[in-house]
């Protein structure tokens, strides 16, 4: 695959994840622009038509909103902590399956942790 495509995909996934964590802190306009651009995969032109503004205005708003989301993450770290927790839960799950597969209580607790993370 194209390296630039992989970088863009990783960036898009990162912004989508930050939006999942911090989207409620954005203004309605910021949230609408980001959602349409990243989640709905609309072009700048399509979004500009939806809001009757210039493509440049959409571009500027999206870039500022990305920086806002990154600032929230730098200060609160919810996404980084989510990744770390999931890694530990995955390691714990593998260990339990390997060494304690018959322990229903441990397996139920792991299932509960995974369900909480999916909420």
C-alpha atoms as a PDB file:
ATOM      1  CA  UNK A   1       0.000   0.000   0.000  1.00  0.00           C
ATOM      2  CA  UNK A   2       0.931   3.619  -0.409  1.00  0.00           C
ATOM      3  CA  UNK A   3       2.750   4.995   2.636  1.00  0.00           C
ATOM      4  CA  UNK A   4       0.936   8.351   2.384  1.00  0.00           C
ATOM      5  CA  UNK A   5      -2.406   6.553   2.342  1.00  0.00           C
ATOM      6  CA  UNK A   6      -1.449   4.644   5.490  1.00  0.00           C
ATOM      7  CA  UNK A   7      -0.420   7.874   7.223  1.00  0.00           C
ATOM      8  CA  UNK A   8      -3.679   9.597   6.227  1.00  0.00           C
ATOM      9  CA  UNK A   9      -5.722   6.599   7.373  1.00  0.00           C
ATOM     10  CA  UNK A  10      -3.917   6.545  10.734  1.00  0.00           C
ATOM     11  CA  UNK A  11      -4.486  10.299  11.114  1.00  0.00           C
ATOM     12  CA  UNK A  12      -8.173   9.953  10.196  1.00  0.00           C
ATOM     13  CA  UNK A  13      -8.608   7.141  12.720  1.00  0.00           C
ATOM     14  CA  UNK A  14      -6.860   9.214  15.391  1.00  0.00           C
ATOM     15  CA  UNK A  15      -9.071  12.265  14.797  1.00  0.00           C
ATOM     16  CA  UNK A  16     -12.182  10.051  14.810  1.00  0.00           C
ATOM     17  CA  UNK A  17     -11.086   8.553  18.127  1.00  0.00           C
ATOM     18  CA  UNK A  18     -10.448  11.992  19.618  1.00  0.00           C
ATOM     19  CA  UNK A  19     -13.866  13.081  18.365  1.00  0.00           C
ATOM     20  CA  UNK A  20     -15.420  10.078  20.130  1.00  0.00           C
ATOM     21  CA  UNK A  21     -13.823  11.169  23.397  1.00  0.00           C
ATOM     22  CA  UNK A  22     -14.080  14.940  23.169  1.00  0.00           C
ATOM     23  CA  UNK A  23     -16.787  15.670  20.599  1.00  0.00           C
ATOM     24  CA  UNK A  24     -19.221  16.718  23.307  1.00  0.00           C
ATOM     25  CA  UNK A  25     -16.854  19.588  24.176  1.00  0.00           C
ATOM     26  CA  UNK A  26     -16.991  21.077  20.678  1.00  0.00           C
ATOM     27  CA  UNK A  27     -19.451  23.630  19.400  1.00  0.00           C
ATOM     28  CA  UNK A  28     -22.247  22.278  17.213  1.00  0.00           C
ATOM     29  CA  UNK A  29     -20.606  23.749  14.113  1.00  0.00           C
ATOM     30  CA  UNK A  30     -17.210  22.230  14.940  1.00  0.00           C
ATOM     31  CA  UNK A  31     -18.799  18.854  15.603  1.00  0.00           C
ATOM     32  CA  UNK A  32     -20.840  18.989  12.389  1.00  0.00           C
ATOM     33  CA  UNK A  33     -17.817  19.856  10.231  1.00  0.00           C
ATOM     34  CA  UNK A  34     -15.604  17.170  11.783  1.00  0.00           C
ATOM     35  CA  UNK A  35     -18.347  14.559  11.656  1.00  0.00           C
ATOM     36  CA  UNK A  36     -19.139  15.243   8.016  1.00  0.00           C
ATOM     37  CA  UNK A  37     -15.476  15.329   7.010  1.00  0.00           C
ATOM     38  CA  UNK A  38     -14.190  12.323   8.942  1.00  0.00           C
ATOM     39  CA  UNK A  39     -17.171  10.093   9.738  1.00  0.00           C
ATOM     40  CA  UNK A  40     -19.273  10.774   6.629  1.00  0.00           C
ATOM     41  CA  UNK A  41     -16.231  11.213   4.337  1.00  0.00           C
ATOM     42  CA  UNK A  42     -17.651  14.309   2.655  1.00  0.00           C
ATOM     43  CA  UNK A  43     -15.338  16.581   0.689  1.00  0.00           C
ATOM     44  CA  UNK A  44     -14.635  20.173   1.652  1.00  0.00           C
ATOM     45  CA  UNK A  45     -16.786  21.235  -1.297  1.00  0.00           C
ATOM     46  CA  UNK A  46     -19.732  19.115  -0.175  1.00  0.00           C
ATOM     47  CA  UNK A  47     -19.510  20.458   3.369  1.00  0.00           C
ATOM     48  CA  UNK A  48     -19.216  24.028   2.106  1.00  0.00           C
ATOM     49  CA  UNK A  49     -22.420  23.528   0.110  1.00  0.00           C
ATOM     50  CA  UNK A  50     -24.186  22.072   3.159  1.00  0.00           C
ATOM     51  CA  UNK A  51     -23.330  25.141   5.235  1.00  0.00           C
ATOM     52  CA  UNK A  52     -23.307  27.740   2.452  1.00  0.00           C
ATOM     53  CA  UNK A  53     -19.742  28.839   3.223  1.00  0.00           C
ATOM     54  CA  UNK A  54     -16.476  28.746   1.293  1.00  0.00           C
ATOM     55  CA  UNK A  55     -14.302  25.648   1.069  1.00  0.00           C
ATOM     56  CA  UNK A  56     -11.561  27.682   2.763  1.00  0.00           C
ATOM     57  CA  UNK A  57     -13.857  28.404   5.725  1.00  0.00           C
ATOM     58  CA  UNK A  58     -14.580  24.679   6.079  1.00  0.00           C
ATOM     59  CA  UNK A  59     -10.878  23.819   5.790  1.00  0.00           C
ATOM     60  CA  UNK A  60      -9.893  26.416   8.394  1.00  0.00           C
ATOM     61  CA  UNK A  61     -12.608  25.277  10.795  1.00  0.00           C
ATOM     62  CA  UNK A  62     -11.633  21.623  10.461  1.00  0.00           C
ATOM     63  CA  UNK A  63      -7.920  22.375  11.054  1.00  0.00           C
ATOM     64  CA  UNK A  64      -8.688  24.522  14.122  1.00  0.00           C
ATOM     65  CA  UNK A  65     -11.014  21.833  15.459  1.00  0.00           C
ATOM     66  CA  UNK A  66      -8.365  19.144  14.969  1.00  0.00           C
ATOM     67  CA  UNK A  67      -5.955  21.264  17.007  1.00  0.00           C
ATOM     68  CA  UNK A  68      -8.632  21.742  19.664  1.00  0.00           C
ATOM     69  CA  UNK A  69      -9.177  17.968  19.889  1.00  0.00           C
ATOM     70  CA  UNK A  70      -5.417  17.400  20.129  1.00  0.00           C
ATOM     71  CA  UNK A  71      -5.186  20.023  22.883  1.00  0.00           C
ATOM     72  CA  UNK A  72      -7.915  18.257  24.847  1.00  0.00           C
ATOM     73  CA  UNK A  73      -6.039  14.977  24.470  1.00  0.00           C
ATOM     74  CA  UNK A  74      -2.747  16.565  25.553  1.00  0.00           C
ATOM     75  CA  UNK A  75      -4.407  17.902  28.695  1.00  0.00           C
ATOM     76  CA  UNK A  76      -6.694  14.996  29.621  1.00  0.00           C
ATOM     77  CA  UNK A  77      -5.156  11.973  27.919  1.00  0.00           C
ATOM     78  CA  UNK A  78      -8.400   9.993  27.715  1.00  0.00           C
ATOM     79  CA  UNK A  79      -7.519   8.338  24.408  1.00  0.00           C
ATOM     80  CA  UNK A  80      -3.987   7.383  25.510  1.00  0.00           C
ATOM     81  CA  UNK A  81      -5.348   5.901  28.739  1.00  0.00           C
ATOM     82  CA  UNK A  82      -8.007   4.015  26.752  1.00  0.00           C
ATOM     83  CA  UNK A  83      -5.297   2.453  24.555  1.00  0.00           C
ATOM     84  CA  UNK A  84      -3.205   1.478  27.588  1.00  0.00           C
ATOM     85  CA  UNK A  85      -6.203  -0.039  29.394  1.00  0.00           C
ATOM     86  CA  UNK A  86      -7.172  -2.050  26.341  1.00  0.00           C
ATOM     87  CA  UNK A  87      -3.633  -3.386  25.999  1.00  0.00           C
ATOM     88  CA  UNK A  88      -3.620  -4.522  29.634  1.00  0.00           C
ATOM     89  CA  UNK A  89      -7.078  -6.089  29.297  1.00  0.00           C
ATOM     90  CA  UNK A  90      -5.940  -7.946  26.152  1.00  0.00           C
ATOM     91  CA  UNK A  91      -2.828  -9.245  27.950  1.00  0.00           C
ATOM     92  CA  UNK A  92      -4.900 -10.260  30.955  1.00  0.00           C
ATOM     93  CA  UNK A  93      -7.430 -11.995  28.723  1.00  0.00           C
ATOM     94  CA  UNK A  94      -4.667 -13.968  26.970  1.00  0.00           C
ATOM     95  CA  UNK A  95      -3.117 -14.959  30.304  1.00  0.00           C
ATOM     96  CA  UNK A  96      -6.444 -16.114  31.720  1.00  0.00           C
ATOM     97  CA  UNK A  97      -7.250 -18.127  28.593  1.00  0.00           C
ATOM     98  CA  UNK A  98      -3.798 -19.703  28.737  1.00  0.00           C
ATOM     99  CA  UNK A  99      -3.529 -20.448  32.461  1.00  0.00           C
ATOM    100  CA  UNK A 100      -7.052 -20.241  33.884  1.00  0.00           C
ATOM    101  CA  UNK A 101      -9.379 -21.177  31.047  1.00  0.00           C
ATOM    102  CA  UNK A 102     -11.701 -23.067  33.401  1.00  0.00           C
ATOM    103  CA  UNK A 103     -12.092 -20.231  35.915  1.00  0.00           C
ATOM    104  CA  UNK A 104     -15.551 -18.877  35.130  1.00  0.00           C
ATOM    105  CA  UNK A 105     -15.230 -15.981  37.587  1.00  0.00           C
ATOM    106  CA  UNK A 106     -12.050 -14.654  35.950  1.00  0.00           C
ATOM    107  CA  UNK A 107     -13.501 -15.052  32.469  1.00  0.00           C
ATOM    108  CA  UNK A 108     -16.698 -13.256  33.519  1.00  0.00           C
ATOM    109  CA  UNK A 109     -14.659 -10.360  34.932  1.00  0.00           C
ATOM    110  CA  UNK A 110     -12.697 -10.038  31.686  1.00  0.00           C
ATOM    111  CA  UNK A 111     -15.949 -10.063  29.738  1.00  0.00           C
ATOM    112  CA  UNK A 112     -17.285  -7.292  31.976  1.00  0.00           C
ATOM    113  CA  UNK A 113     -14.154  -5.183  31.428  1.00  0.00           C
ATOM    114  CA  UNK A 114     -14.445  -5.600  27.661  1.00  0.00           C
ATOM    115  CA  UNK A 115     -18.136  -4.653  27.735  1.00  0.00           C
ATOM    116  CA  UNK A 116     -17.373  -1.499  29.733  1.00  0.00           C
ATOM    117  CA  UNK A 117     -14.762  -0.419  27.191  1.00  0.00           C
ATOM    118  CA  UNK A 118     -17.262  -0.906  24.343  1.00  0.00           C
ATOM    119  CA  UNK A 119     -19.859   1.400  25.940  1.00  0.00           C
END
